[in-house]
Amino acid sequence: MIPYPEGILQTSLMAILLIAAVINAVYQAEIIAHKTGEPFGTLILAVSVTIIEVALIVSIMLSAKSGGELIARDSVFAAIMIIMNGIIGLSIFLGGLKHRELSFRIEGTNSGLAVLIALAILTLVMPNFTSTPGPTFTNSQLILAGVLSLILYGTFVFIQTIRHRSYFLPHTSEDHSDSNSTVNTDAALPSNLKTFFSLVLLLVSLVAVVLLAKALSPSIEAAIESAGAPRAVVGIVIALLVLLPEGVSAVKAALNNRLQTSLNLSIGSALASISLTIPAVAIVAIVFDLPISLGVNALGMTFLCLTFFLSILTIAIGRTTVLQGAVHLVVFAAYLFLSLVP
């Protein structure tokens, strides 16, 4: 059944507003990044998006009549696939086309990837092998997963911002001067007042992105159901919409020969997505006695292993070309196709 014109107009208007909110979020994040420098600028954007994404997941868990127990798993898994294969792959591919070869520090990237692998296995794979029926944790296991997630993420942020901040900065003085933000570093630093207003506008834009994504989800779900695609695809589409600001920022940084910034933002976003989502859904599930399934199926575990294996090879030497980007994009295309046709 074709939607009536008023519905089409309303959906089109929301889509336009969503694009505008994404563009504004990226612009405000660039101002903040220029003021704070790396890695604080990318950390602010990653955490801001993730906190609002968690709020969206929790609201869906509490309001969903069916399938609510899968929303956290589907969202986190989709975020990992989108970030590690889609965003990173596109950043490396487009950056490689423009600059032939991109370089970055393996110390920080490798550290973030190690934490991400541990978190993903503990929260998305381990539930499949516990004594509970189905891909679930007991309440005590769920609490442990949430606590371990926060400990690992807190340690990573401490290393990234204080103890070994240099690991997340470009390894040459020339790159460092160009890479403190995704804006022109020759320009004067924004004032404290302008930075504060940019932070407020960033949060407003991110809230708008999530609310518009949620408002568009019924139309998306109806289109997916009419196409006969699995329900999990809804989570993928919503994750794509929510991650738009981070994706645009990461790709733009790579095009400006700042792959370090792209990787900081991408891996940091994936870490925040798991580390903040799991404790939040654990609390909600226990307090409201809601069922929750975290373990991915065999196909999902295969994609996780393939993604992490390729990511390790990609960061092995601290330099990338279009080839690594193409490989990650092919895996991402396979993930999208097999999600539609499992």
Protein backbone atom coordinates (compact mmCIF):
# COMPACT_ATOMS: atom_id res chain seq x y z
CA MET A 1 0.00 0.00 0.00
CA ILE A 2 1.46 3.37 -1.04
CA PRO A 3 1.45 6.01 1.74
CA TYR A 4 -0.82 9.01 1.18
CA PRO A 5 0.82 12.29 0.10
CA GLU A 6 0.62 13.87 3.54
CA GLY A 7 2.56 10.94 5.02
CA ILE A 8 5.17 11.17 2.29
CA LEU A 9 5.52 14.91 2.87
CA GLN A 10 5.91 14.43 6.62
CA THR A 11 8.51 11.69 6.17
CA SER A 12 10.44 13.79 3.63
CA LEU A 13 10.44 16.78 5.99
CA MET A 14 11.78 14.66 8.87
CA ALA A 15 14.49 13.27 6.58
CA ILE A 16 15.56 16.81 5.59
CA LEU A 17 15.63 17.89 9.24
CA LEU A 18 17.70 14.82 10.07
CA ILE A 19 20.30 15.70 7.45
CA ALA A 20 20.40 19.29 8.73
CA ALA A 21 20.88 18.07 12.32
CA VAL A 22 23.75 15.80 11.24
CA ILE A 23 25.49 18.62 9.36
CA ASN A 24 25.16 20.95 12.34
CA ALA A 25 26.39 18.28 14.77
CA VAL A 26 29.50 17.72 12.68
CA TYR A 27 30.18 21.46 12.43
CA GLN A 28 29.81 22.04 16.18
CA ALA A 29 31.98 19.00 16.93
CA GLU A 30 34.71 20.42 14.71
CA ILE A 31 34.70 23.69 16.68
CA ILE A 32 34.98 21.80 19.98
CA ALA A 33 37.73 19.57 18.60
CA HIS A 34 39.65 22.64 17.39
CA LYS A 35 39.44 24.14 20.88
CA THR A 36 40.27 21.02 22.91
CA GLY A 37 42.61 19.23 20.51
CA GLU A 38 42.98 15.49 20.11
CA PRO A 39 41.82 13.17 21.51
CA PHE A 40 39.33 15.20 23.58
CA GLY A 41 37.38 16.51 20.59
CA THR A 42 36.64 13.08 19.15
CA LEU A 43 35.95 11.70 22.64
CA ILE A 44 33.28 14.36 23.28
CA LEU A 45 31.45 13.55 20.04
CA ALA A 46 31.67 9.78 20.57
CA VAL A 47 30.41 9.86 24.14
CA SER A 48 27.67 12.41 23.39
CA VAL A 49 26.24 10.34 20.55
CA THR A 50 26.46 7.12 22.58
CA ILE A 51 24.73 8.52 25.67
CA ILE A 52 21.78 9.64 23.58
CA GLU A 53 21.81 6.33 21.67
CA VAL A 54 21.62 4.47 24.99
CA ALA A 55 18.63 6.59 26.00
CA LEU A 56 16.93 5.60 22.73
CA ILE A 57 17.66 1.89 23.29
CA VAL A 58 16.35 1.98 26.86
CA SER A 59 13.17 3.80 25.79
CA ILE A 60 12.51 1.17 23.12
CA MET A 61 13.16 -1.64 25.63
CA LEU A 62 10.59 -0.19 28.01
CA SER A 63 7.95 0.52 25.36
CA ALA A 64 8.35 -2.38 22.91
CA LYS A 65 5.60 -4.99 22.96
CA SER A 66 7.72 -7.62 21.24
CA GLY A 67 11.36 -7.91 20.29
CA GLY A 68 12.46 -5.50 23.04
CA GLU A 69 14.83 -8.09 24.50
CA LEU A 70 16.86 -8.03 21.26
CA ILE A 71 17.17 -4.28 20.70
CA ALA A 72 20.35 -3.85 22.77
CA ARG A 73 22.10 -6.78 21.08
CA ASP A 74 21.05 -5.75 17.58
CA SER A 75 22.03 -2.11 18.14
CA VAL A 76 25.46 -2.82 19.64
CA PHE A 77 26.33 -5.46 17.05
CA ALA A 78 25.15 -3.21 14.21
CA ALA A 79 27.18 -0.31 15.62
CA ILE A 80 30.36 -2.44 15.65
CA MET A 81 29.84 -3.61 12.07
CA ILE A 82 28.95 -0.13 10.82
CA ILE A 83 31.89 1.54 12.56
CA MET A 84 34.64 -1.04 12.10
CA ASN A 85 33.80 -1.96 8.49
CA GLY A 86 31.61 0.81 7.10
CA ILE A 87 32.99 4.03 8.60
CA ILE A 88 36.63 2.93 8.91
CA GLY A 89 36.51 1.24 5.51
CA LEU A 90 35.08 4.31 3.79
CA SER A 91 37.52 6.63 5.60
CA ILE A 92 40.54 4.58 4.54
CA PHE A 93 39.24 4.07 1.00
CA LEU A 94 38.40 7.71 0.24
CA GLY A 95 41.46 8.99 2.11
CA GLY A 96 43.65 6.56 0.18
CA LEU A 97 42.20 7.66 -3.14
CA LYS A 98 43.07 11.26 -2.34
CA HIS A 99 46.40 10.86 -0.53
CA ARG A 100 47.61 7.41 -1.77
CA GLU A 101 48.80 6.38 1.70
CA LEU A 102 47.59 7.35 5.18
CA SER A 103 49.57 6.94 8.39
CA PHE A 104 48.67 6.74 12.07
CA ARG A 105 50.09 5.62 15.42
CA ILE A 106 49.60 1.93 16.09
CA GLU A 107 50.05 2.33 19.87
CA GLY A 108 46.73 4.04 20.49
CA THR A 109 44.77 2.28 17.75
CA ASN A 110 46.00 -1.14 18.87
CA SER A 111 45.10 -0.35 22.49
CA GLY A 112 41.57 0.64 21.57
CA LEU A 113 41.13 -2.42 19.36
CA ALA A 114 42.29 -4.76 22.16
CA VAL A 115 39.68 -3.32 24.53
CA LEU A 116 36.98 -3.52 21.85
CA ILE A 117 37.71 -7.20 21.13
CA ALA A 118 37.56 -8.08 24.83
CA LEU A 119 34.28 -6.20 25.33
CA ALA A 120 32.63 -7.66 22.24
CA ILE A 121 33.52 -11.25 23.14
CA LEU A 122 32.49 -10.84 26.79
CA THR A 123 29.11 -9.27 26.00
CA LEU A 124 28.04 -10.55 22.57
CA VAL A 125 29.62 -14.03 22.36
CA MET A 126 29.95 -15.30 25.94
CA PRO A 127 26.15 -15.38 26.59
CA ASN A 128 25.91 -18.18 24.01
CA PHE A 129 28.06 -20.46 26.16
CA THR A 130 26.69 -19.96 29.68
CA SER A 131 24.51 -22.47 31.51
CA THR A 132 21.36 -20.40 30.97
CA PRO A 133 18.92 -21.42 28.23
CA GLY A 134 19.38 -19.29 25.14
CA PRO A 135 21.86 -16.44 24.49
CA THR A 136 21.30 -14.85 27.89
CA PHE A 137 23.05 -13.99 31.16
CA THR A 138 21.76 -14.52 34.66
CA ASN A 139 21.28 -11.34 36.69
CA SER A 140 24.63 -11.80 38.44
CA GLN A 141 26.39 -12.44 35.13
CA LEU A 142 24.68 -9.40 33.64
CA ILE A 143 25.88 -7.23 36.52
CA LEU A 144 29.42 -8.58 36.08
CA ALA A 145 29.34 -7.79 32.35
CA GLY A 146 28.19 -4.24 33.08
CA VAL A 147 30.85 -3.66 35.74
CA LEU A 148 33.65 -5.09 33.57
CA SER A 149 32.49 -2.92 30.65
CA LEU A 150 32.71 0.24 32.74
CA ILE A 151 36.12 -0.74 34.18
CA LEU A 152 37.60 -1.41 30.75
CA TYR A 153 36.18 1.76 29.23
CA GLY A 154 37.22 3.90 32.19
CA THR A 155 40.77 2.54 31.95
CA PHE A 156 40.87 3.20 28.22
CA VAL A 157 39.68 6.81 28.62
CA PHE A 158 42.31 7.36 31.34
CA ILE A 159 45.04 6.05 29.04
CA GLN A 160 43.70 8.03 26.07
CA THR A 161 43.36 11.39 27.78
CA ILE A 162 45.94 11.38 30.61
CA ARG A 163 48.48 8.59 31.02
CA HIS A 164 49.43 7.96 27.37
CA ARG A 165 47.71 10.73 25.45
CA SER A 166 50.60 10.87 22.97
CA TYR A 167 49.61 7.40 21.71
CA PHE A 168 46.51 8.94 20.16
CA LEU A 169 48.25 11.87 18.49
CA PRO A 170 49.92 11.82 15.05
CA HIS A 171 53.50 10.62 15.33
CA THR A 172 55.15 13.50 13.50
CA SER A 173 55.24 17.15 14.46
CA GLU A 174 54.02 18.10 11.01
CA ASP A 175 50.98 15.83 11.22
CA HIS A 176 50.36 16.97 14.79
CA SER A 177 50.07 20.55 13.70
CA ASP A 178 47.51 19.54 11.11
CA SER A 179 45.54 17.02 13.12
CA ASN A 180 44.32 18.57 16.34
CA SER A 181 40.92 18.97 14.76
CA THR A 182 39.02 18.57 11.54
CA VAL A 183 39.00 22.30 10.94
CA ASN A 184 41.69 24.64 9.72
CA THR A 185 44.29 24.73 12.49
CA ASP A 186 45.71 27.99 11.14
CA ALA A 187 42.58 29.78 12.36
CA ALA A 188 42.44 31.29 15.83
CA LEU A 189 41.13 29.06 18.58
CA PRO A 190 37.44 29.67 19.37
CA SER A 191 36.69 31.52 22.60
CA ASN A 192 35.44 29.72 25.70
CA LEU A 193 31.98 31.21 25.18
CA LYS A 194 31.80 30.05 21.57
CA THR A 195 32.99 26.59 22.59
CA PHE A 196 30.31 26.40 25.28
CA PHE A 197 27.57 27.37 22.81
CA SER A 198 28.96 24.84 20.34
CA LEU A 199 28.74 22.13 23.00
CA VAL A 200 25.12 23.06 23.74
CA LEU A 201 24.25 23.10 20.03
CA LEU A 202 26.05 19.77 19.56
CA LEU A 203 23.92 18.15 22.25
CA VAL A 204 20.76 19.69 20.81
CA SER A 205 21.65 18.42 17.34
CA LEU A 206 22.41 14.92 18.61
CA VAL A 207 19.12 14.80 20.49
CA ALA A 208 17.39 15.88 17.29
CA VAL A 209 19.17 13.13 15.32
CA VAL A 210 18.01 10.44 17.74
CA LEU A 211 14.43 11.77 18.03
CA LEU A 212 14.10 12.07 14.26
CA ALA A 213 15.55 8.58 13.82
CA LYS A 214 12.98 7.26 16.29
CA ALA A 215 10.19 9.18 14.52
CA LEU A 216 11.26 7.76 11.17
CA SER A 217 11.55 4.21 12.51
CA PRO A 218 7.84 3.31 11.97
CA SER A 219 8.11 4.24 8.30
CA ILE A 220 11.39 2.36 8.04
CA GLU A 221 9.92 -0.67 9.82
CA ALA A 222 6.87 -0.66 7.55
CA ALA A 223 9.07 -0.51 4.45
CA ILE A 224 11.27 -3.35 5.75
CA GLU A 225 8.28 -5.52 6.62
CA SER A 226 6.71 -4.92 3.22
CA ALA A 227 9.99 -6.04 1.65
CA GLY A 228 9.96 -9.21 3.75
CA ALA A 229 13.30 -8.43 5.43
CA PRO A 230 14.14 -9.62 8.97
CA ARG A 231 13.14 -7.38 11.88
CA ALA A 232 16.79 -6.96 12.90
CA VAL A 233 17.27 -4.76 9.84
CA VAL A 234 15.29 -2.04 11.63
CA GLY A 235 18.07 -1.84 14.23
CA ILE A 236 20.67 -1.57 11.48
CA VAL A 237 18.88 1.31 9.77
CA ILE A 238 18.38 3.20 13.03
CA ALA A 239 22.04 2.64 13.96
CA LEU A 240 23.08 4.01 10.58
CA LEU A 241 21.04 7.14 11.16
CA VAL A 242 22.30 7.68 14.71
CA LEU A 243 25.95 7.16 13.66
CA LEU A 244 25.73 9.65 10.79
CA PRO A 245 27.44 12.53 12.68
CA GLU A 246 30.40 10.36 13.67
CA GLY A 247 30.63 8.83 10.21
CA VAL A 248 30.67 12.18 8.43
CA SER A 249 33.30 13.54 10.84
CA ALA A 250 35.51 10.45 10.45
CA VAL A 251 35.37 10.47 6.64
CA LYS A 252 36.00 14.22 6.49
CA ALA A 253 39.06 13.86 8.73
CA ALA A 254 40.46 11.09 6.50
CA LEU A 255 39.95 13.23 3.39
CA ASN A 256 42.00 15.92 5.16
CA ASN A 257 44.80 13.35 5.72
CA ARG A 258 43.95 12.92 9.41
CA LEU A 259 43.35 9.20 9.67
CA GLN A 260 44.44 9.28 13.32
CA THR A 261 41.42 11.45 14.09
CA SER A 262 39.16 9.10 12.11
CA LEU A 263 40.40 6.06 14.00
CA ASN A 264 40.18 7.81 17.37
CA LEU A 265 36.57 8.70 16.68
CA SER A 266 35.58 5.36 15.15
CA ILE A 267 37.12 3.00 17.69
CA GLY A 268 36.17 5.32 20.54
CA SER A 269 32.56 5.28 19.35
CA ALA A 270 32.48 1.49 19.15
CA LEU A 271 33.93 1.25 22.67
CA ALA A 272 31.46 3.77 24.08
CA SER A 273 28.57 2.00 22.36
CA ILE A 274 29.29 -1.28 24.19
CA SER A 275 30.59 0.12 27.47
CA LEU A 276 27.66 2.47 28.10
CA THR A 277 24.89 0.35 26.60
CA ILE A 278 25.54 -2.90 28.50
CA PRO A 279 25.46 -1.38 32.04
CA ALA A 280 22.38 0.68 31.16
CA VAL A 281 20.37 -2.23 29.77
CA ALA A 282 21.56 -4.45 32.64
CA ILE A 283 20.09 -2.02 35.17
CA VAL A 284 16.83 -1.66 33.23
CA ALA A 285 16.46 -5.42 32.73
CA ILE A 286 17.04 -6.19 36.41
CA VAL A 287 14.97 -3.34 37.87
CA PHE A 288 11.97 -3.87 35.56
CA ASP A 289 12.42 -7.66 35.30
CA LEU A 290 12.66 -7.55 31.52
CA PRO A 291 14.09 -10.35 29.37
CA ILE A 292 17.29 -9.51 27.52
CA SER A 293 19.25 -11.53 24.97
CA LEU A 294 22.80 -10.41 24.23
CA GLY A 295 24.42 -13.32 22.39
CA VAL A 296 24.66 -13.05 18.61
CA ASN A 297 24.03 -16.06 16.38
CA ALA A 298 26.65 -18.12 14.54
CA LEU A 299 26.64 -15.75 11.54
CA GLY A 300 27.14 -12.79 13.85
CA MET A 301 30.05 -14.47 15.62
CA THR A 302 31.62 -15.19 12.23
CA PHE A 303 31.36 -11.55 11.22
CA LEU A 304 32.82 -10.43 14.56
CA CYS A 305 35.83 -12.75 14.17
CA LEU A 306 36.38 -11.70 10.54
CA THR A 307 36.07 -8.01 11.39
CA PHE A 308 38.53 -8.15 14.28
CA PHE A 309 41.02 -10.29 12.35
CA LEU A 310 40.99 -7.82 9.44
CA SER A 311 41.22 -4.86 11.83
CA ILE A 312 44.34 -6.32 13.43
CA LEU A 313 45.94 -6.68 9.99
CA THR A 314 44.85 -3.18 8.98
CA ILE A 315 46.60 -1.49 11.91
CA ALA A 316 49.64 -3.78 11.92
CA ILE A 317 52.08 -1.38 10.24
CA GLY A 318 50.50 2.02 10.90
CA ARG A 319 49.91 2.77 7.21
CA THR A 320 46.93 2.11 4.95
CA THR A 321 45.98 2.32 1.29
CA VAL A 322 42.75 1.95 -0.64
CA LEU A 323 43.16 -1.84 -0.50
CA GLN A 324 42.48 -2.09 3.25
CA GLY A 325 39.51 0.24 2.86
CA ALA A 326 38.11 -1.87 0.03
CA VAL A 327 38.40 -5.08 2.08
CA HIS A 328 36.50 -3.59 5.02
CA LEU A 329 33.82 -2.20 2.69
CA VAL A 330 33.36 -5.61 1.04
CA VAL A 331 32.86 -7.21 4.47
CA PHE A 332 30.38 -4.47 5.34
CA ALA A 333 28.47 -5.09 2.10
CA ALA A 334 28.35 -8.81 2.89
CA TYR A 335 27.05 -8.04 6.39
CA LEU A 336 24.29 -5.83 5.03
CA PHE A 337 23.28 -8.35 2.36
CA LEU A 338 23.22 -11.33 4.73
CA SER A 339 21.24 -9.29 7.25
CA LEU A 340 18.61 -8.77 4.55
CA VAL A 341 18.86 -12.33 3.22
CA PRO A 342 20.09 -14.48 6.14
